[in-house]
N, C-alpha and C. Protein backbone atom coordinates (compact mmCIF):
# COMPACT_ATOMS: atom_id res chain seq x y z
N MET A 1 7.41 27.70 -9.18
CA MET A 1 6.02 28.07 -8.28
C MET A 1 4.61 27.34 -9.09
N GLN A 2 3.93 27.09 -8.16
CA GLN A 2 2.76 26.76 -8.68
C GLN A 2 1.42 27.30 -8.72
N ARG A 3 0.21 27.63 -9.06
CA ARG A 3 -0.79 27.88 -8.84
C ARG A 3 -1.76 26.77 -8.01
N HIS A 4 -2.39 26.93 -7.12
CA HIS A 4 -3.60 26.24 -6.67
C HIS A 4 -5.04 27.02 -6.65
N ASP A 5 -5.90 26.34 -7.13
CA ASP A 5 -7.36 27.29 -6.97
C ASP A 5 -8.12 25.93 -5.85
N LEU A 6 -8.28 26.60 -5.19
CA LEU A 6 -9.17 26.38 -4.07
C LEU A 6 -10.69 26.86 -3.23
N ARG A 7 -11.03 27.30 -5.16
CA ARG A 7 -12.63 27.95 -4.71
C ARG A 7 -13.42 27.02 -4.51
N HIS A 8 -13.32 25.78 -5.14
CA HIS A 8 -14.12 24.94 -5.25
C HIS A 8 -14.82 24.50 -3.41
N LEU A 9 -13.45 24.77 -2.87
CA LEU A 9 -13.61 23.98 -1.46
C LEU A 9 -14.59 25.22 -0.43
N LYS A 10 -14.77 26.21 -1.19
CA LYS A 10 -15.26 27.15 -0.60
C LYS A 10 -14.96 28.07 0.51
N ASN A 11 -15.32 27.65 2.02
CA ASN A 11 -14.91 27.93 3.44
C ASN A 11 -13.80 27.20 4.09
N ASP A 12 -13.77 25.88 3.39
CA ASP A 12 -13.10 24.84 3.72
C ASP A 12 -11.99 24.60 3.13
N PHE A 13 -10.99 25.65 3.33
CA PHE A 13 -9.47 25.47 2.41
C PHE A 13 -8.54 25.15 3.43
N TYR A 14 -8.78 25.73 4.24
CA TYR A 14 -7.59 25.79 5.06
C TYR A 14 -6.68 24.44 5.21
N GLY A 15 -7.18 23.22 5.51
CA GLY A 15 -6.62 22.34 5.43
C GLY A 15 -5.79 21.95 4.32
N ARG A 16 -6.32 22.07 3.10
CA ARG A 16 -5.59 21.52 2.03
C ARG A 16 -4.99 22.37 1.51
N MET A 17 -4.83 23.95 1.93
CA MET A 17 -3.98 24.84 1.36
C MET A 17 -2.42 24.28 2.56
N LEU A 18 -2.67 24.44 3.70
CA LEU A 18 -1.37 24.00 4.55
C LEU A 18 -1.02 22.58 3.89
N GLU A 19 -1.63 21.66 3.70
CA GLU A 19 -1.03 20.22 3.11
C GLU A 19 0.08 20.34 1.75
N ILE A 20 -0.63 21.15 0.74
CA ILE A 20 0.16 21.91 -0.33
C ILE A 20 1.60 22.40 0.07
N VAL A 21 0.81 23.22 1.09
CA VAL A 21 2.35 23.92 1.52
C VAL A 21 3.46 22.97 2.06
N ASP A 22 2.94 22.35 3.24
CA ASP A 22 3.56 21.17 3.57
C ASP A 22 4.72 20.06 2.85
N GLU A 23 3.85 19.99 1.71
CA GLU A 23 4.06 18.83 0.78
C GLU A 23 5.51 19.59 -0.27
N SER A 24 5.66 21.06 0.14
CA SER A 24 6.32 21.32 -1.04
C SER A 24 7.78 21.58 -0.79
N MET A 25 8.51 21.91 -1.51
CA MET A 25 10.02 22.12 -0.87
C MET A 25 10.36 23.27 -0.19
N THR A 26 11.47 23.26 0.83
CA THR A 26 11.62 24.25 1.40
C THR A 26 11.67 25.66 0.22
N ASN A 27 11.59 26.88 0.87
CA ASN A 27 11.46 27.95 -0.27
C ASN A 27 10.96 28.25 -1.41
N GLU A 28 10.07 27.07 -1.92
CA GLU A 28 9.04 27.12 -2.64
C GLU A 28 8.16 28.04 -2.61
N VAL A 29 7.52 28.14 -3.53
CA VAL A 29 6.19 29.52 -3.49
C VAL A 29 5.51 28.89 -4.05
N SER A 30 4.04 29.44 -3.40
CA SER A 30 2.69 28.52 -4.49
C SER A 30 1.72 29.82 -4.25
N ILE A 31 1.01 29.82 -4.77
CA ILE A 31 -0.21 31.02 -4.93
C ILE A 31 -1.32 29.97 -4.82
N PHE A 32 -2.07 30.48 -3.76
CA PHE A 32 -3.60 30.15 -3.89
C PHE A 32 -4.50 30.85 -3.92
N ILE A 33 -5.78 30.40 -4.99
CA ILE A 33 -6.79 31.69 -5.03
C ILE A 33 -7.85 30.75 -4.29
N PHE A 34 -8.55 31.91 -3.55
CA PHE A 34 -9.73 30.92 -2.72
C PHE A 34 -11.27 32.15 -2.78
N GLU A 35 -12.41 31.61 -2.59
CA GLU A 35 -13.60 32.68 -2.05
C GLU A 35 -13.14 32.75 -0.85
N ILE A 36 -13.61 34.52 -0.82
CA ILE A 36 -13.56 34.88 0.24
C ILE A 36 -14.58 35.03 1.00
N GLY A 37 -15.64 35.30 0.34
CA GLY A 37 -17.20 35.36 1.26
C GLY A 37 -16.85 36.88 2.12
N ASP A 38 -16.50 36.45 3.01
CA ASP A 38 -16.23 37.60 4.40
C ASP A 38 -14.97 37.34 4.46
N PHE A 39 -14.27 38.41 5.03
CA PHE A 39 -12.67 38.65 5.08
C PHE A 39 -12.35 37.73 6.27
N LYS A 40 -13.07 37.36 6.93
CA LYS A 40 -12.37 36.63 7.65
C LYS A 40 -11.32 35.33 6.91
N SER A 41 -11.57 34.89 6.64
CA SER A 41 -11.09 33.86 6.15
C SER A 41 -9.58 34.55 5.34
N VAL A 42 -9.68 35.60 4.96
CA VAL A 42 -8.06 36.47 4.48
C VAL A 42 -7.23 36.08 5.85
N GLN A 43 -7.90 37.03 7.05
CA GLN A 43 -7.40 37.04 8.53
C GLN A 43 -6.70 35.08 8.64
N LYS A 44 -7.66 34.75 8.66
CA LYS A 44 -7.65 33.14 9.08
C LYS A 44 -6.36 32.67 8.14
N SER A 45 -6.55 32.59 7.00
CA SER A 45 -5.06 32.07 5.98
C SER A 45 -3.97 32.53 6.44
N ALA A 46 -4.10 33.76 6.78
CA ALA A 46 -2.25 34.55 7.18
C ALA A 46 -2.11 33.97 8.23
N ASP A 47 -3.39 33.61 9.30
CA ASP A 47 -2.72 33.25 10.99
C ASP A 47 -2.45 31.86 10.69
N ILE A 48 -2.84 30.88 9.77
CA ILE A 48 -2.58 30.01 9.81
C ILE A 48 -0.86 29.32 8.78
N ILE A 49 -0.70 30.27 7.66
CA ILE A 49 0.11 30.34 7.33
C ILE A 49 1.34 30.92 8.30
N LYS A 50 1.21 31.48 8.95
CA LYS A 50 2.17 32.35 9.82
C LYS A 50 2.61 31.32 10.96
N ASN A 51 1.26 30.75 11.62
CA ASN A 51 1.57 29.86 12.79
C ASN A 51 2.06 28.71 12.77
N ALA A 52 2.32 28.29 10.79
CA ALA A 52 3.41 27.27 10.60
C ALA A 52 4.98 27.39 10.17
N LYS A 53 5.02 28.69 10.60
CA LYS A 53 6.07 29.14 10.20
C LYS A 53 6.88 29.46 8.58
N HIS A 54 5.73 29.59 8.01
CA HIS A 54 5.75 29.82 6.42
C HIS A 54 5.51 31.65 6.25
N THR A 55 5.98 31.84 5.26
CA THR A 55 6.13 33.04 4.82
C THR A 55 4.77 33.76 3.93
N LEU A 56 3.89 34.30 4.65
CA LEU A 56 2.96 35.01 3.36
C LEU A 56 3.53 36.36 2.89
N MET A 57 3.88 35.78 1.42
CA MET A 57 4.57 37.51 0.55
C MET A 57 3.61 38.18 -0.01
N ASN A 58 2.18 37.69 -0.08
CA ASN A 58 1.35 38.89 -1.13
C ASN A 58 -0.23 38.07 -0.54
N SER A 59 -0.80 38.82 -0.24
CA SER A 59 -2.09 38.73 -0.14
C SER A 59 -3.09 40.18 -0.79
N ILE A 60 -3.60 39.52 -1.86
CA ILE A 60 -4.72 40.44 -2.68
C ILE A 60 -5.94 40.11 -3.35
N LYS A 61 -6.70 40.84 -3.52
CA LYS A 61 -8.13 40.72 -4.08
C LYS A 61 -8.02 40.43 -5.56
N PHE A 62 -8.73 39.11 -5.71
CA PHE A 62 -8.46 38.93 -6.91
C PHE A 62 -9.50 39.84 -7.92
N ASN A 63 -10.38 39.22 -7.51
CA ASN A 63 -11.71 39.93 -8.46
C ASN A 63 -12.51 40.30 -7.28
N GLU A 64 -13.95 40.54 -7.56
CA GLU A 64 -15.13 40.83 -6.24
C GLU A 64 -15.33 39.56 -5.50
N VAL A 65 -14.72 38.40 -5.96
CA VAL A 65 -15.56 37.26 -4.94
C VAL A 65 -13.87 36.54 -4.15
N ASP A 66 -13.29 36.31 -5.15
CA ASP A 66 -11.55 35.77 -4.90
C ASP A 66 -10.71 36.53 -4.19
N TRP A 67 -9.80 35.50 -3.57
CA TRP A 67 -8.65 36.59 -3.18
C TRP A 67 -7.70 35.40 -3.58
N THR A 68 -6.11 36.07 -3.49
CA THR A 68 -4.97 35.43 -3.99
C THR A 68 -3.84 35.75 -2.70
N ILE A 69 -3.33 34.75 -2.51
CA ILE A 69 -2.23 34.92 -1.42
C ILE A 69 -0.90 33.83 -1.92
N VAL A 70 0.38 34.47 -1.79
CA VAL A 70 1.03 34.15 -2.21
C VAL A 70 2.21 33.43 -1.24
N VAL A 71 2.54 32.40 -0.92
CA VAL A 71 3.01 31.50 0.39
C VAL A 71 4.62 30.96 -0.04
N LYS A 72 5.58 31.11 0.86
CA LYS A 72 7.02 30.89 0.36
C LYS A 72 6.85 29.48 1.78
N LYS A 73 6.92 28.48 1.36
CA LYS A 73 7.64 27.26 2.72
C LYS A 73 9.02 27.83 3.12
N GLY A 74 8.75 28.00 4.71
CA GLY A 74 9.75 27.95 5.32
C GLY A 74 10.45 26.61 5.55
N GLU A 75 11.79 26.72 6.61
CA GLU A 75 12.34 25.95 6.30
C GLU A 75 12.03 24.56 7.04
N ASP A 76 12.22 23.77 6.58
CA ASP A 76 11.91 22.34 7.43
C ASP A 76 12.62 22.45 8.93
N THR A 77 11.62 21.69 9.76
CA THR A 77 12.11 21.79 10.80
C THR A 77 12.12 20.21 11.74
């Protein structure tokens, strides 16, 4: 399990998040932290993970401005 801080990417973290998950081994768990700004980024990140056939294991507000999600990479296709 690895933690990835994507806060420095502001609202442009989706591509990097998916790239990290795709490079992971099957069933590996990754933790991502990002700035939420508004809650659209939370739903969008969940949708991206689901559409890529990975599992969103947890999604939680980290503090007033940051959000954390836990993602498990799906089976390689």
